[in-house]
């Protein structure tokens, strides 16, 4: 498959999505401890991350994986601490990488689909920042680590989506910053 041509639907992009899912799982894993005491008894985040890894290693993109992502989403909604909510969203998006629609790559839809790829790292960064007693620079360090470990396939996928707009919220700024950093790295 010519990886620089139009990807079309997600089935054609699956060979690129698998390493992206492994990377997203590692990013989400970095924020697991932020989930706090709940992390010891609530396995939904770990299971979503494990599902992303299973897909990354050749497992199926099926209903079970989607169920794991939704379970982590539910954990996010049930959590009262903002940092824990973002850690859970990170795990949810790690599992959701498998469902990135590469055929929806224009305009706002394209921006949203690119967030499937970037979300695990961005939400992990925000979770770590909010959980830190000294938050200055925490999110940037998490994003830098994500950029350093980004597989080539993530850069290839991002080229098919529009860049993330800067926006005014902390979340949109982090999406923009990671997107710009990854695009710069993949251009080298």
C-alpha atoms as a PDB file:
ATOM      1  CA  UNK A   1       0.000   0.000   0.000  1.00  0.00           C
ATOM      2  CA  UNK A   2       1.310   3.439  -0.884  1.00  0.00           C
ATOM      3  CA  UNK A   3       1.177   5.095   2.517  1.00  0.00           C
ATOM      4  CA  UNK A   4       1.353   8.643   1.172  1.00  0.00           C
ATOM      5  CA  UNK A   5      -1.669   8.330  -1.124  1.00  0.00           C
ATOM      6  CA  UNK A   6      -5.249   8.789   0.018  1.00  0.00           C
ATOM      7  CA  UNK A   7      -6.024   6.281   2.723  1.00  0.00           C
ATOM      8  CA  UNK A   8      -9.745   5.930   2.103  1.00  0.00           C
ATOM      9  CA  UNK A   9     -11.529   3.950   4.773  1.00  0.00           C
ATOM     10  CA  UNK A  10     -10.075   2.652   8.028  1.00  0.00           C
ATOM     11  CA  UNK A  11      -9.598  -0.874   6.652  1.00  0.00           C
ATOM     12  CA  UNK A  12      -6.926   0.453   4.274  1.00  0.00           C
ATOM     13  CA  UNK A  13      -5.356   2.402   7.121  1.00  0.00           C
ATOM     14  CA  UNK A  14      -5.343  -0.532   9.546  1.00  0.00           C
ATOM     15  CA  UNK A  15      -1.606  -1.275   9.076  1.00  0.00           C
ATOM     16  CA  UNK A  16      -0.926   2.329  10.116  1.00  0.00           C
ATOM     17  CA  UNK A  17      -3.456   2.338  12.958  1.00  0.00           C
ATOM     18  CA  UNK A  18      -1.896  -0.674  14.706  1.00  0.00           C
ATOM     19  CA  UNK A  19       1.410   1.026  15.654  1.00  0.00           C
ATOM     20  CA  UNK A  20      -0.573   4.185  16.424  1.00  0.00           C
ATOM     21  CA  UNK A  21      -2.660   2.183  18.914  1.00  0.00           C
ATOM     22  CA  UNK A  22       0.471   0.832  20.626  1.00  0.00           C
ATOM     23  CA  UNK A  23       1.823   4.367  20.931  1.00  0.00           C
ATOM     24  CA  UNK A  24      -1.519   5.638  22.258  1.00  0.00           C
ATOM     25  CA  UNK A  25      -1.596   2.815  24.821  1.00  0.00           C
ATOM     26  CA  UNK A  26       1.852   3.819  26.080  1.00  0.00           C
ATOM     27  CA  UNK A  27       0.730   7.453  26.314  1.00  0.00           C
ATOM     28  CA  UNK A  28      -2.413   6.508  28.252  1.00  0.00           C
ATOM     29  CA  UNK A  29      -0.437   4.202  30.514  1.00  0.00           C
ATOM     30  CA  UNK A  30       1.667   7.178  31.607  1.00  0.00           C
ATOM     31  CA  UNK A  31      -1.421   8.722  33.241  1.00  0.00           C
ATOM     32  CA  UNK A  32      -2.826   5.622  34.956  1.00  0.00           C
ATOM     33  CA  UNK A  33      -1.536   6.563  38.401  1.00  0.00           C
ATOM     34  CA  UNK A  34      -3.441   9.849  38.106  1.00  0.00           C
ATOM     35  CA  UNK A  35      -6.649   7.835  38.311  1.00  0.00           C
ATOM     36  CA  UNK A  36      -5.759   7.563  42.000  1.00  0.00           C
ATOM     37  CA  UNK A  37      -7.251   5.158  44.491  1.00  0.00           C
ATOM     38  CA  UNK A  38      -9.910   4.195  41.941  1.00  0.00           C
ATOM     39  CA  UNK A  39      -7.114   2.740  39.780  1.00  0.00           C
ATOM     40  CA  UNK A  40      -6.562  -0.114  42.215  1.00  0.00           C
ATOM     41  CA  UNK A  41     -10.152  -1.358  42.028  1.00  0.00           C
ATOM     42  CA  UNK A  42     -11.454  -0.035  38.706  1.00  0.00           C
ATOM     43  CA  UNK A  43      -9.894  -2.010  35.889  1.00  0.00           C
ATOM     44  CA  UNK A  44     -11.728  -0.302  33.040  1.00  0.00           C
ATOM     45  CA  UNK A  45      -8.794   1.947  32.161  1.00  0.00           C
ATOM     46  CA  UNK A  46      -6.260  -0.885  32.236  1.00  0.00           C
ATOM     47  CA  UNK A  47      -8.571  -3.049  30.142  1.00  0.00           C
ATOM     48  CA  UNK A  48      -9.019  -0.310  27.529  1.00  0.00           C
ATOM     49  CA  UNK A  49      -5.251   0.157  27.319  1.00  0.00           C
ATOM     50  CA  UNK A  50      -4.763  -3.615  27.076  1.00  0.00           C
ATOM     51  CA  UNK A  51      -7.366  -3.714  24.296  1.00  0.00           C
ATOM     52  CA  UNK A  52      -5.471  -1.016  22.386  1.00  0.00           C
ATOM     53  CA  UNK A  53      -2.284  -3.042  22.757  1.00  0.00           C
ATOM     54  CA  UNK A  54      -4.010  -6.210  21.615  1.00  0.00           C
ATOM     55  CA  UNK A  55      -5.258  -4.427  18.496  1.00  0.00           C
ATOM     56  CA  UNK A  56      -1.782  -2.982  17.970  1.00  0.00           C
ATOM     57  CA  UNK A  57      -0.309  -6.468  18.022  1.00  0.00           C
ATOM     58  CA  UNK A  58      -2.743  -7.764  15.398  1.00  0.00           C
ATOM     59  CA  UNK A  59      -5.920  -8.339  17.384  1.00  0.00           C
ATOM     60  CA  UNK A  60      -9.328  -7.703  15.879  1.00  0.00           C
ATOM     61  CA  UNK A  61     -11.098  -4.379  15.643  1.00  0.00           C
ATOM     62  CA  UNK A  62     -14.378  -5.660  17.028  1.00  0.00           C
ATOM     63  CA  UNK A  63     -17.254  -5.031  19.397  1.00  0.00           C
ATOM     64  CA  UNK A  64     -15.164  -6.111  22.406  1.00  0.00           C
ATOM     65  CA  UNK A  65     -12.622  -3.348  21.744  1.00  0.00           C
ATOM     66  CA  UNK A  66     -15.386  -0.780  21.309  1.00  0.00           C
ATOM     67  CA  UNK A  67     -16.932  -1.986  24.597  1.00  0.00           C
ATOM     68  CA  UNK A  68     -13.597  -1.466  26.384  1.00  0.00           C
ATOM     69  CA  UNK A  69     -13.386   2.082  25.034  1.00  0.00           C
ATOM     70  CA  UNK A  70     -16.943   2.850  26.177  1.00  0.00           C
ATOM     71  CA  UNK A  71     -16.229   1.387  29.624  1.00  0.00           C
ATOM     72  CA  UNK A  72     -13.279   3.777  30.041  1.00  0.00           C
ATOM     73  CA  UNK A  73     -15.547   6.597  28.832  1.00  0.00           C
ATOM     74  CA  UNK A  74     -18.043   5.658  31.533  1.00  0.00           C
ATOM     75  CA  UNK A  75     -15.231   5.672  34.110  1.00  0.00           C
ATOM     76  CA  UNK A  76     -14.401   9.213  33.006  1.00  0.00           C
ATOM     77  CA  UNK A  77     -18.001  10.305  33.467  1.00  0.00           C
ATOM     78  CA  UNK A  78     -18.198   8.692  36.912  1.00  0.00           C
ATOM     79  CA  UNK A  79     -14.986  10.196  38.254  1.00  0.00           C
ATOM     80  CA  UNK A  80     -15.221  13.350  40.342  1.00  0.00           C
ATOM     81  CA  UNK A  81     -11.604  14.484  40.007  1.00  0.00           C
ATOM     82  CA  UNK A  82     -10.797  16.335  36.752  1.00  0.00           C
ATOM     83  CA  UNK A  83      -7.355  14.714  36.538  1.00  0.00           C
ATOM     84  CA  UNK A  84      -8.909  11.248  36.868  1.00  0.00           C
ATOM     85  CA  UNK A  85     -11.514  12.106  34.222  1.00  0.00           C
ATOM     86  CA  UNK A  86      -8.745  13.036  31.793  1.00  0.00           C
ATOM     87  CA  UNK A  87      -6.739   9.891  32.607  1.00  0.00           C
ATOM     88  CA  UNK A  88      -9.828   7.819  31.820  1.00  0.00           C
ATOM     89  CA  UNK A  89     -10.401   9.719  28.572  1.00  0.00           C
ATOM     90  CA  UNK A  90      -6.801   9.004  27.643  1.00  0.00           C
ATOM     91  CA  UNK A  91      -7.394   5.261  28.100  1.00  0.00           C
ATOM     92  CA  UNK A  92     -10.669   5.479  26.172  1.00  0.00           C
ATOM     93  CA  UNK A  93      -8.998   7.193  23.242  1.00  0.00           C
ATOM     94  CA  UNK A  94      -6.149   4.663  23.208  1.00  0.00           C
ATOM     95  CA  UNK A  95      -8.734   1.956  22.523  1.00  0.00           C
ATOM     96  CA  UNK A  96     -10.566   4.226  20.071  1.00  0.00           C
ATOM     97  CA  UNK A  97      -7.523   4.704  17.811  1.00  0.00           C
ATOM     98  CA  UNK A  98      -8.601   1.519  16.028  1.00  0.00           C
ATOM     99  CA  UNK A  99     -11.791   3.324  14.971  1.00  0.00           C
ATOM    100  CA  UNK A 100     -10.183   6.407  13.446  1.00  0.00           C
ATOM    101  CA  UNK A 101     -12.052   7.182  10.228  1.00  0.00           C
ATOM    102  CA  UNK A 102      -9.371   8.129   7.753  1.00  0.00           C
ATOM    103  CA  UNK A 103     -12.032   8.727   5.098  1.00  0.00           C
ATOM    104  CA  UNK A 104     -13.395  11.667   7.141  1.00  0.00           C
ATOM    105  CA  UNK A 105     -10.341  13.804   6.680  1.00  0.00           C
ATOM    106  CA  UNK A 106     -11.601  17.257   5.718  1.00  0.00           C
ATOM    107  CA  UNK A 107     -12.724  20.233   7.771  1.00  0.00           C
ATOM    108  CA  UNK A 108     -14.079  19.801  11.276  1.00  0.00           C
ATOM    109  CA  UNK A 109     -14.584  16.056  10.759  1.00  0.00           C
ATOM    110  CA  UNK A 110     -10.899  15.709   9.897  1.00  0.00           C
ATOM    111  CA  UNK A 111      -9.871  17.700  12.965  1.00  0.00           C
ATOM    112  CA  UNK A 112     -12.045  15.457  15.150  1.00  0.00           C
ATOM    113  CA  UNK A 113     -10.708  12.242  13.623  1.00  0.00           C
ATOM    114  CA  UNK A 114      -7.123  13.416  14.112  1.00  0.00           C
ATOM    115  CA  UNK A 115      -8.009  13.847  17.779  1.00  0.00           C
ATOM    116  CA  UNK A 116      -8.553  10.069  17.918  1.00  0.00           C
ATOM    117  CA  UNK A 117      -4.849   9.742  17.137  1.00  0.00           C
ATOM    118  CA  UNK A 118      -3.658  12.550  19.397  1.00  0.00           C
ATOM    119  CA  UNK A 119      -6.150  12.189  22.246  1.00  0.00           C
ATOM    120  CA  UNK A 120      -4.441   9.581  24.408  1.00  0.00           C
ATOM    121  CA  UNK A 121      -1.296  11.712  24.652  1.00  0.00           C
ATOM    122  CA  UNK A 122      -3.128  15.015  25.080  1.00  0.00           C
ATOM    123  CA  UNK A 123      -5.502  13.792  27.783  1.00  0.00           C
ATOM    124  CA  UNK A 124      -2.625  12.064  29.580  1.00  0.00           C
ATOM    125  CA  UNK A 125      -0.715  15.353  29.536  1.00  0.00           C
ATOM    126  CA  UNK A 126      -3.678  17.275  30.907  1.00  0.00           C
ATOM    127  CA  UNK A 127      -4.316  14.616  33.572  1.00  0.00           C
ATOM    128  CA  UNK A 128      -0.707  14.731  34.738  1.00  0.00           C
ATOM    129  CA  UNK A 129      -0.702  18.530  34.736  1.00  0.00           C
ATOM    130  CA  UNK A 130      -3.856  18.759  36.863  1.00  0.00           C
ATOM    131  CA  UNK A 131      -2.645  16.092  39.292  1.00  0.00           C
ATOM    132  CA  UNK A 132       0.734  17.727  39.849  1.00  0.00           C
ATOM    133  CA  UNK A 133       1.471  19.936  42.837  1.00  0.00           C
ATOM    134  CA  UNK A 134       3.867  21.845  40.548  1.00  0.00           C
ATOM    135  CA  UNK A 135       2.031  21.856  37.222  1.00  0.00           C
ATOM    136  CA  UNK A 136       4.341  24.241  35.320  1.00  0.00           C
ATOM    137  CA  UNK A 137       5.754  22.399  32.332  1.00  0.00           C
ATOM    138  CA  UNK A 138       4.220  19.017  33.215  1.00  0.00           C
ATOM    139  CA  UNK A 139       1.963  18.770  30.157  1.00  0.00           C
ATOM    140  CA  UNK A 140       4.747  19.935  27.884  1.00  0.00           C
ATOM    141  CA  UNK A 141       7.058  17.199  29.211  1.00  0.00           C
ATOM    142  CA  UNK A 142       4.381  14.551  28.628  1.00  0.00           C
ATOM    143  CA  UNK A 143       3.820  15.808  25.083  1.00  0.00           C
ATOM    144  CA  UNK A 144       7.560  15.896  24.429  1.00  0.00           C
ATOM    145  CA  UNK A 145       7.845  12.274  25.575  1.00  0.00           C
ATOM    146  CA  UNK A 146       4.932  11.364  23.289  1.00  0.00           C
ATOM    147  CA  UNK A 147       6.624  13.099  20.351  1.00  0.00           C
ATOM    148  CA  UNK A 148       9.898  11.347  21.093  1.00  0.00           C
ATOM    149  CA  UNK A 149       8.234   7.933  20.975  1.00  0.00           C
ATOM    150  CA  UNK A 150       5.853   8.599  18.070  1.00  0.00           C
ATOM    151  CA  UNK A 151       6.056   5.885  15.438  1.00  0.00           C
ATOM    152  CA  UNK A 152       6.436   6.927  11.820  1.00  0.00           C
ATOM    153  CA  UNK A 153       2.910   5.666  11.085  1.00  0.00           C
ATOM    154  CA  UNK A 154       1.343   8.386  13.254  1.00  0.00           C
ATOM    155  CA  UNK A 155       3.095  11.034  11.177  1.00  0.00           C
ATOM    156  CA  UNK A 156       1.853   9.400   7.979  1.00  0.00           C
ATOM    157  CA  UNK A 157      -1.698   9.349   9.292  1.00  0.00           C
ATOM    158  CA  UNK A 158      -1.574  12.975  10.438  1.00  0.00           C
ATOM    159  CA  UNK A 159      -0.617  14.118   6.934  1.00  0.00           C
ATOM    160  CA  UNK A 160      -4.113  13.081   5.825  1.00  0.00           C
ATOM    161  CA  UNK A 161      -5.851  15.335   8.363  1.00  0.00           C
ATOM    162  CA  UNK A 162      -5.968  19.109   8.755  1.00  0.00           C
ATOM    163  CA  UNK A 163      -3.784  20.616  11.497  1.00  0.00           C
ATOM    164  CA  UNK A 164      -5.354  21.157  14.898  1.00  0.00           C
ATOM    165  CA  UNK A 165      -6.491  24.748  15.438  1.00  0.00           C
ATOM    166  CA  UNK A 166      -4.961  26.567  18.398  1.00  0.00           C
ATOM    167  CA  UNK A 167      -8.263  27.457  20.072  1.00  0.00           C
ATOM    168  CA  UNK A 168      -8.639  29.195  23.411  1.00  0.00           C
ATOM    169  CA  UNK A 169      -9.006  26.322  25.875  1.00  0.00           C
ATOM    170  CA  UNK A 170      -6.090  24.511  27.478  1.00  0.00           C
ATOM    171  CA  UNK A 171      -7.241  21.295  25.830  1.00  0.00           C
ATOM    172  CA  UNK A 172      -7.323  22.766  22.315  1.00  0.00           C
ATOM    173  CA  UNK A 173      -3.915  24.375  22.883  1.00  0.00           C
ATOM    174  CA  UNK A 174      -2.455  20.996  23.874  1.00  0.00           C
ATOM    175  CA  UNK A 175      -3.989  19.342  20.800  1.00  0.00           C
ATOM    176  CA  UNK A 176      -2.497  22.081  18.633  1.00  0.00           C
ATOM    177  CA  UNK A 177       0.925  21.872  20.284  1.00  0.00           C
ATOM    178  CA  UNK A 178       1.199  18.094  19.978  1.00  0.00           C
ATOM    179  CA  UNK A 179      -0.072  18.115  16.396  1.00  0.00           C
ATOM    180  CA  UNK A 180       2.451  20.783  15.391  1.00  0.00           C
ATOM    181  CA  UNK A 181       5.290  18.965  17.160  1.00  0.00           C
ATOM    182  CA  UNK A 182       4.441  15.629  15.517  1.00  0.00           C
ATOM    183  CA  UNK A 183       4.093  17.179  12.053  1.00  0.00           C
ATOM    184  CA  UNK A 184       7.468  18.869  12.445  1.00  0.00           C
ATOM    185  CA  UNK A 185       9.080  15.617  13.550  1.00  0.00           C
ATOM    186  CA  UNK A 186       7.561  13.613  10.681  1.00  0.00           C
ATOM    187  CA  UNK A 187       8.708  16.248   8.155  1.00  0.00           C
ATOM    188  CA  UNK A 188      12.366  15.658   9.090  1.00  0.00           C
END
